Protein backbone atom coordinates (compact mmCIF):
# COMPACT_ATOMS: atom_id res chain seq x y z
CA MET A 1 155.02 74.88 52.68
CA TYR A 2 158.39 72.35 52.26
CA LEU A 3 157.95 68.67 53.31
CA VAL A 4 160.98 66.54 54.77
CA PHE A 5 160.41 62.83 54.45
CA ASP A 6 163.68 61.00 55.61
CA TYR A 7 164.95 60.36 58.94
CA ALA A 8 168.06 62.00 58.87
CA GLY A 9 166.29 65.25 57.30
CA VAL A 10 163.38 64.93 59.96
CA ASN A 11 165.83 64.31 62.57
CA ARG A 12 167.59 67.64 61.55
CA VAL A 13 164.62 69.80 61.40
CA LEU A 14 163.13 68.39 65.31
CA VAL A 15 166.57 69.13 66.83
CA GLU A 16 167.73 72.07 65.18
CA HIS A 17 165.90 74.71 66.44
CA GLU A 18 168.50 77.46 65.84
CA THR A 19 167.50 76.94 62.38
CA PHE A 20 163.62 75.93 62.30
CA SER A 21 161.71 76.97 65.00
CA SER A 22 158.51 76.03 66.49
CA ARG A 23 157.18 79.91 66.72
CA HIS A 24 153.81 78.86 64.46
CA GLY A 25 151.00 78.31 66.10
CA PRO A 26 147.71 79.85 67.15
CA ALA A 27 148.36 79.36 71.05
CA ASP A 28 150.73 80.28 73.45
CA TRP A 29 151.79 76.28 74.11
CA LEU A 30 154.76 74.55 75.31
CA ILE A 31 155.23 72.99 71.76
CA PHE A 32 155.05 76.59 69.67
CA GLN A 33 158.00 77.60 71.76
CA ASP A 34 161.36 77.94 71.50
CA PRO A 35 164.81 77.91 73.98
CA PRO A 36 165.12 80.00 76.50
CA ARG A 37 161.22 80.46 76.88
CA HIS A 38 160.52 76.73 76.16
CA ASN A 39 163.06 75.29 78.62
CA GLN A 40 161.58 77.57 81.55
CA LEU A 41 158.07 76.39 80.71
CA ARG A 42 158.65 72.67 80.43
CA ALA A 43 160.89 72.93 83.47
CA LEU A 44 157.96 74.05 85.06
CA VAL A 45 155.82 71.89 84.07
CA SER A 46 157.95 69.25 84.63
CA LYS A 47 158.05 69.94 88.25
CA ALA A 48 154.07 68.87 88.73
CA PHE A 49 154.19 66.11 85.75
CA THR A 50 157.28 64.27 87.05
CA PRO A 51 157.38 60.03 86.04
CA ARG A 52 156.49 59.52 89.84
CA SER A 53 153.31 60.87 89.14
CA VAL A 54 152.88 58.87 85.73
CA VAL A 55 154.32 55.35 87.17
CA ASN A 56 151.68 55.76 90.15
CA LEU A 57 148.80 55.62 87.97
CA GLU A 58 149.21 52.15 86.80
CA GLY A 59 147.14 50.54 88.77
CA ARG A 60 143.95 53.03 87.99
CA ILE A 61 144.62 52.88 84.45
CA GLY A 62 144.24 48.91 84.78
CA GLU A 63 141.40 49.41 87.05
CA ILE A 64 139.87 52.18 84.18
CA CYS A 65 140.71 49.57 81.11
CA ARG A 66 138.54 46.83 83.22
CA GLU A 67 135.72 48.32 83.33
CA LEU A 68 135.50 49.95 80.23
CA LEU A 69 136.03 46.30 78.74
CA GLU A 70 133.38 45.06 80.77
CA SER A 71 131.02 47.55 80.03
CA ALA A 72 131.90 47.01 76.08
CA ILE A 73 132.01 43.31 75.83
CA GLY A 74 130.82 41.74 79.54
CA CYS A 75 132.85 39.88 81.34
CA GLY A 76 134.19 37.21 79.09
CA GLU A 77 130.46 36.09 77.80
CA MET A 78 129.64 36.78 73.59
CA ASP A 79 126.75 35.05 71.62
CA GLY A 80 127.80 31.43 71.58
CA GLY A 81 129.80 31.26 75.12
CA GLU A 82 133.48 31.44 75.42
CA THR A 83 133.85 29.93 71.55
CA GLY A 84 131.58 32.51 70.08
CA ARG A 85 132.08 35.76 68.25
CA GLY A 86 131.97 39.28 69.49
CA GLU A 87 132.08 42.63 68.49
CA LEU A 88 133.07 46.41 69.63
CA ASP A 89 133.55 49.55 68.64
CA LEU A 90 137.41 49.80 69.82
CA ALA A 91 137.72 53.61 69.47
CA GLU A 92 134.13 54.52 70.56
CA ASP A 93 134.21 51.95 73.55
CA PHE A 94 137.77 52.07 74.72
CA ALA A 95 141.00 53.26 72.91
CA ILE A 96 138.60 57.12 73.08
CA PRO A 97 137.35 57.36 76.65
CA LEU A 98 140.57 55.29 78.30
CA PRO A 99 142.83 58.41 77.95
CA MET A 100 139.91 60.88 78.60
CA ARG A 101 138.94 59.17 81.89
CA VAL A 102 142.53 59.01 82.55
CA ILE A 103 143.77 62.44 82.50
CA GLY A 104 140.41 63.61 83.84
CA GLU A 105 141.80 61.93 86.61
CA MET A 106 145.04 63.33 86.56
CA LEU A 107 143.86 66.71 86.72
CA GLY A 108 141.51 66.31 89.24
CA ILE A 109 138.31 66.84 86.96
CA PRO A 110 135.02 65.49 87.79
CA ALA A 111 133.09 62.73 86.00
CA SER A 112 130.30 64.55 84.96
CA ASP A 113 132.35 66.90 82.82
CA ARG A 114 133.80 64.33 80.74
CA ALA A 115 131.68 64.88 77.01
CA ARG A 116 132.80 68.81 77.55
CA PHE A 117 136.60 67.41 77.38
CA LYS A 118 135.37 65.39 74.44
CA ARG A 119 133.76 68.06 73.00
CA TRP A 120 137.01 70.53 73.57
CA ASN A 121 139.33 68.34 72.06
CA ASP A 122 137.59 67.87 68.88
CA VAL A 123 137.38 71.43 68.49
CA ILE A 124 141.74 71.46 69.12
CA LEU A 125 141.78 68.65 66.70
CA LYS A 126 140.31 70.53 64.25
CA VAL A 127 143.12 73.28 64.27
CA SER A 128 145.74 71.65 62.03
CA TYR A 129 143.40 72.08 59.22
CA LEU A 130 144.92 75.91 59.30
CA PHE A 131 147.89 74.98 57.74
CA GLY A 132 148.33 76.11 54.29
CA ALA A 133 144.84 77.69 54.31
CA GLY A 134 144.47 81.92 53.20
CA PRO A 135 143.93 84.49 55.57
CA ASN A 136 140.24 84.83 53.91
CA ASP A 137 139.39 81.31 54.09
CA PRO A 138 136.11 80.77 55.32
CA GLU A 139 136.43 77.34 56.48
CA ALA A 140 139.51 78.30 58.56
CA LYS A 141 137.73 81.28 59.69
CA VAL A 142 135.12 78.78 61.37
CA VAL A 143 137.53 76.79 62.98
CA MET A 144 139.52 79.69 64.36
CA SER A 145 136.29 81.04 65.99
CA ASP A 146 135.34 77.51 67.28
CA PHE A 147 138.82 77.21 68.43
CA TYR A 148 138.99 80.67 70.44
CA ALA A 149 135.08 80.45 71.44
CA ALA A 150 136.52 76.60 73.15
CA THR A 151 139.43 78.24 74.48
CA ALA A 152 137.55 81.51 76.35
CA GLU A 153 134.95 78.27 77.70
CA MET A 154 138.06 76.25 79.10
CA ASN A 155 139.99 79.55 80.25
CA GLU A 156 136.73 80.63 82.46
CA TYR A 157 136.11 76.69 83.20
CA LEU A 158 139.92 76.20 84.18
CA GLY A 159 139.55 79.41 86.42
CA ALA A 160 137.12 78.21 88.60
CA LEU A 161 139.18 75.32 89.42
CA LEU A 162 142.00 77.10 90.02
CA GLU A 163 140.33 79.59 92.58
CA GLN A 164 139.30 76.00 93.97
CA ARG A 165 142.60 74.42 94.22
CA ARG A 166 144.21 78.15 96.08
CA ALA A 167 141.73 77.68 98.70
CA GLU A 168 142.03 73.93 99.06
CA PRO A 169 145.02 72.51 97.75
CA ARG A 170 144.56 68.60 96.23
CA ASP A 171 147.07 65.76 95.42
CA ASP A 172 146.39 66.23 91.80
CA LEU A 173 148.16 67.67 88.68
CA LEU A 174 146.16 71.03 89.08
CA THR A 175 147.37 72.16 92.76
CA ARG A 176 150.97 70.63 91.92
CA LEU A 177 151.09 73.07 88.62
CA LEU A 178 150.43 75.99 90.68
CA GLU A 179 152.72 75.02 92.96
CA ALA A 180 155.33 74.38 90.73
CA GLN A 181 157.98 77.04 91.05
CA ILE A 182 161.52 77.36 89.60
CA GLU A 183 163.93 80.53 91.00
CA GLY A 184 160.41 82.24 92.06
CA GLU A 185 158.73 81.44 88.71
CA ARG A 186 155.37 80.04 89.22
CA LEU A 187 153.34 78.77 86.19
CA SER A 188 150.64 81.76 84.96
CA GLN A 189 146.92 81.33 84.25
CA LYS A 190 147.36 81.17 80.90
CA ASP A 191 150.59 78.99 80.88
CA ILE A 192 148.23 76.50 82.90
CA LEU A 193 145.35 77.16 80.29
CA GLY A 194 148.59 76.29 76.99
CA PHE A 195 149.34 73.26 78.95
CA PHE A 196 145.99 71.77 80.11
CA GLN A 197 144.54 72.63 76.29
CA LEU A 198 148.02 70.69 75.12
CA LEU A 199 147.69 67.96 77.72
CA LEU A 200 144.02 67.32 76.77
CA LEU A 201 144.91 66.95 72.58
CA ALA A 202 148.19 65.44 72.84
CA GLY A 203 147.68 63.07 75.74
CA SER A 204 144.20 61.67 74.52
CA GLU A 205 145.22 61.60 70.78
CA THR A 206 148.26 59.67 70.74
CA THR A 207 147.04 56.89 72.98
CA THR A 208 143.66 56.35 71.77
CA ASN A 209 145.65 56.36 68.03
CA LEU A 210 148.01 53.70 69.43
CA ILE A 211 145.83 51.67 71.12
CA ASN A 212 143.73 51.87 67.74
CA ASN A 213 146.61 51.07 65.15
CA ALA A 214 148.38 48.62 67.22
CA VAL A 215 144.65 46.87 66.47
CA LEU A 216 144.57 47.66 62.87
CA ALA A 217 148.38 46.62 62.58
CA PHE A 218 147.75 43.19 64.28
CA ILE A 219 144.95 42.35 62.00
CA GLU A 220 147.24 43.23 59.05
CA PHE A 221 149.59 40.53 60.41
CA PRO A 222 148.06 38.15 62.42
CA GLU A 223 151.57 35.88 62.78
CA GLN A 224 152.76 38.68 64.83
CA LEU A 225 149.90 38.98 67.62
CA GLU A 226 150.37 35.59 67.39
CA LEU A 227 154.22 35.46 68.41
CA LEU A 228 153.16 37.88 71.12
CA ARG A 229 150.70 35.74 72.34
CA ARG A 230 153.51 33.19 72.73
CA GLU A 231 155.55 35.73 74.60
CA PRO A 232 153.87 38.48 76.26
CA ALA A 233 156.88 40.02 77.34
CA LEU A 234 157.63 41.32 73.94
CA LEU A 235 154.66 43.44 74.54
CA GLU A 236 156.88 46.55 75.01
CA LYS A 237 159.12 46.31 71.76
CA ALA A 238 155.46 45.55 70.12
CA ILE A 239 154.19 49.16 71.24
CA GLU A 240 157.45 50.70 69.97
CA GLU A 241 157.26 49.17 66.60
CA VAL A 242 153.59 49.92 66.32
CA LEU A 243 154.95 53.78 66.82
CA ARG A 244 157.06 53.19 64.27
CA TYR A 245 154.52 51.80 61.76
CA ARG A 246 151.42 53.50 62.30
CA SER A 247 152.97 56.32 64.02
CA PRO A 248 149.79 58.28 65.88
CA LEU A 249 151.81 61.75 64.70
CA GLN A 250 152.44 62.05 61.45
CA TRP A 251 154.20 64.87 60.96
CA MET A 252 155.55 67.81 63.05
CA PHE A 253 155.81 71.97 62.01
CA ARG A 254 158.44 74.20 62.35
CA LEU A 255 159.06 77.87 60.27
CA THR A 256 163.17 78.59 58.88
CA ARG A 257 164.75 81.25 60.77
CA ARG A 258 167.40 81.44 58.14
CA GLU A 259 167.75 80.44 54.54
CA VAL A 260 168.43 76.87 54.78
CA GLU A 261 169.64 74.09 52.42
CA LEU A 262 168.37 70.18 52.60
CA HIS A 263 168.97 67.97 49.79
CA GLY A 264 170.17 70.00 47.64
CA GLN A 265 167.07 72.12 47.55
CA VAL A 266 167.09 76.18 49.71
CA ILE A 267 164.31 76.88 51.40
CA PRO A 268 163.85 80.56 51.86
CA GLU A 269 164.10 82.07 55.96
CA GLY A 270 160.25 82.20 57.11
CA LYS A 271 159.16 79.36 55.13
CA ILE A 272 156.38 76.32 57.16
CA VAL A 273 158.22 73.15 57.04
CA LEU A 274 156.50 69.68 57.29
CA ALA A 275 159.10 67.51 59.16
CA MET A 276 156.87 64.10 58.18
CA ILE A 277 157.57 61.43 61.09
CA GLY A 278 155.39 58.93 59.45
CA ALA A 279 157.83 59.12 56.25
CA ALA A 280 161.21 59.14 58.44
CA ASN A 281 159.97 56.18 60.71
CA HIS A 282 159.92 53.85 56.79
CA ASP A 283 162.98 55.24 55.84
CA PRO A 284 164.64 51.93 54.93
CA LYS A 285 167.91 53.84 55.17
CA VAL A 286 167.45 53.07 58.97
CA PHE A 287 164.61 50.23 59.06
CA ALA A 288 165.25 47.02 57.62
CA GLU A 289 162.18 45.85 55.66
CA PRO A 290 160.15 49.20 57.04
CA GLN A 291 156.76 48.25 55.14
CA LYS A 292 156.57 45.24 57.60
CA LEU A 293 155.55 45.34 61.44
CA GLU A 294 158.17 43.47 63.62
CA ILE A 295 157.48 43.42 67.05
CA ARG A 296 161.16 41.83 67.74
CA ARG A 297 162.84 45.05 65.85
CA GLU A 298 166.31 45.56 67.49
CA PRO A 299 167.22 48.85 67.48
CA ASN A 300 164.22 50.98 66.70
CA PRO A 301 165.43 54.75 66.83
CA HIS A 302 161.64 55.51 65.96
CA LEU A 303 160.72 59.39 65.83
CA ALA A 304 157.13 59.23 67.21
CA PHE A 305 157.00 61.27 69.90
CA GLY A 306 160.02 63.69 68.00
CA ARG A 307 163.40 64.23 68.84
CA GLY A 308 165.76 66.67 70.65
CA ASP A 309 164.36 69.63 73.39
CA HIS A 310 160.66 68.86 72.63
CA PHE A 311 160.85 65.21 72.59
CA CYS A 312 157.07 64.47 73.62
CA MET A 313 157.19 64.75 78.02
CA GLY A 314 153.94 62.43 77.46
CA ALA A 315 155.39 59.30 76.05
CA PRO A 316 156.01 57.80 78.97
CA LEU A 317 152.30 58.10 79.94
CA ALA A 318 151.14 56.82 76.57
CA ARG A 319 153.62 53.88 76.53
CA LEU A 320 151.95 53.07 80.07
CA GLU A 321 148.45 53.32 78.96
CA ALA A 322 149.43 51.26 75.84
CA LYS A 323 150.67 48.35 77.57
CA ILE A 324 148.48 48.16 80.33
CA ALA A 325 145.40 48.53 77.59
CA LEU A 326 146.74 46.34 74.78
CA GLY A 327 147.77 43.90 77.49
CA GLU A 328 143.78 44.03 79.11
CA LEU A 329 142.58 43.50 76.02
CA ILE A 330 144.63 40.43 74.28
CA GLY A 331 144.34 38.79 77.61
CA ARG A 332 140.66 38.99 76.97
CA ILE A 333 140.14 38.18 73.19
CA GLY A 334 141.09 35.76 70.75
CA GLU A 335 141.32 36.12 67.17
CA ILE A 336 140.38 39.56 65.38
CA GLU A 337 139.29 41.14 62.69
CA LEU A 338 137.79 43.97 60.93
CA ALA A 339 133.74 43.55 61.46
CA SER A 340 133.22 45.57 58.34
CA GLY A 341 134.65 45.56 54.95
CA GLU A 342 134.12 49.69 54.54
CA PRO A 343 137.08 51.76 54.82
CA TRP A 344 137.63 53.15 58.35
CA GLU A 345 137.08 57.32 58.82
CA PRO A 346 140.03 59.00 59.73
CA ARG A 347 140.05 61.35 63.15
CA LYS A 348 139.26 64.97 62.59
CA GLY A 349 143.28 66.17 62.43
CA LEU A 350 145.64 66.32 59.76
CA HIS A 351 148.49 65.91 61.60
CA VAL A 352 147.36 62.53 63.42
CA HIS A 353 146.65 59.05 62.13
CA GLY A 354 144.36 56.85 63.58
CA PRO A 355 140.41 55.81 62.74
CA SER A 356 137.70 57.91 64.29
CA ARG A 357 135.77 54.68 64.94
CA LEU A 358 136.91 51.08 64.61
CA ARG A 359 133.87 48.15 64.81
CA ILE A 360 136.51 44.36 65.41
CA ARG A 361 135.03 41.44 65.58
CA PHE A 362 136.75 39.04 67.84
CA GLY A 363 136.78 35.56 69.23
CA GLY A 364 136.57 34.14 72.94
CA LYS A 365 139.27 33.94 75.13
CA ARG A 366 141.83 31.58 74.59
CA ASP A 367 144.01 29.13 77.35
């Protein structure tokens, strides 16, 4: 593999699809397609996954956030009262279930199936470990076997749901995906399955890691959290800075269509290139003092959601969920610290960045 770390290089790899192809993956997902097929699929999916449908979720996201926080830490009461201390596992109790519930409700999935969603997500996440593995690697065989089994299970499950929607359309994302068409072309069940898997993974992992990483960043830079408390209007900029400083997605892969030169290094045709987004977002040529969290940073042209034709179409949803979640969390608790000195365990995916568990200790809400 060839790894590209600088901002200009990563940007080039992400936008030049004529040179760097996305056609290298275990599934027929949108992100593994090149133009024109990528653009056709994206246009169809966009008919259903509209900005308005995301904005309309704002009230419900707030309700889910409050339900989760009240369940995890109670209605503001902790040991010792309002001035006491409390603990919760931010990942398990809040950051992981939030996007899972939001996506489930968008799709019109019964609440009883949430555990199945979580299991599927964990299986898909491990596919990143296949990069660099040889064809006879025993661990890679297990990962692919699990992925194919989960895909078959998801396809059967999705097929039953789609039959229900054909018979009784609803105001949900699955119905809109079925009804979407451009010039007579509709999405096949295979297309919808690919988007279903992608939404399950990207739609949950990005938001989960963004929330967790924001809290980790605020623990590392408590003065920035204090600034945010004084100036709540900075929340959107703070989220952009967390996306830059602790990018939820650390790299994207491409496959060279032809021989290409980058920074004096010749990369042959047919080679895997990893565009290291996390490193590019710390390039000192673009970001002053990149190792510092600065929630007032302006401009902030980070690459956390990619660039070009493959720019993450779920970015507005992730930003909205993070804004509501962090606003609710910060408004409810006081100072935050890690509950343990032990290193946190990362998520089980090479390409994502964030903890699988994050136990924090916090003070009571302050006026």
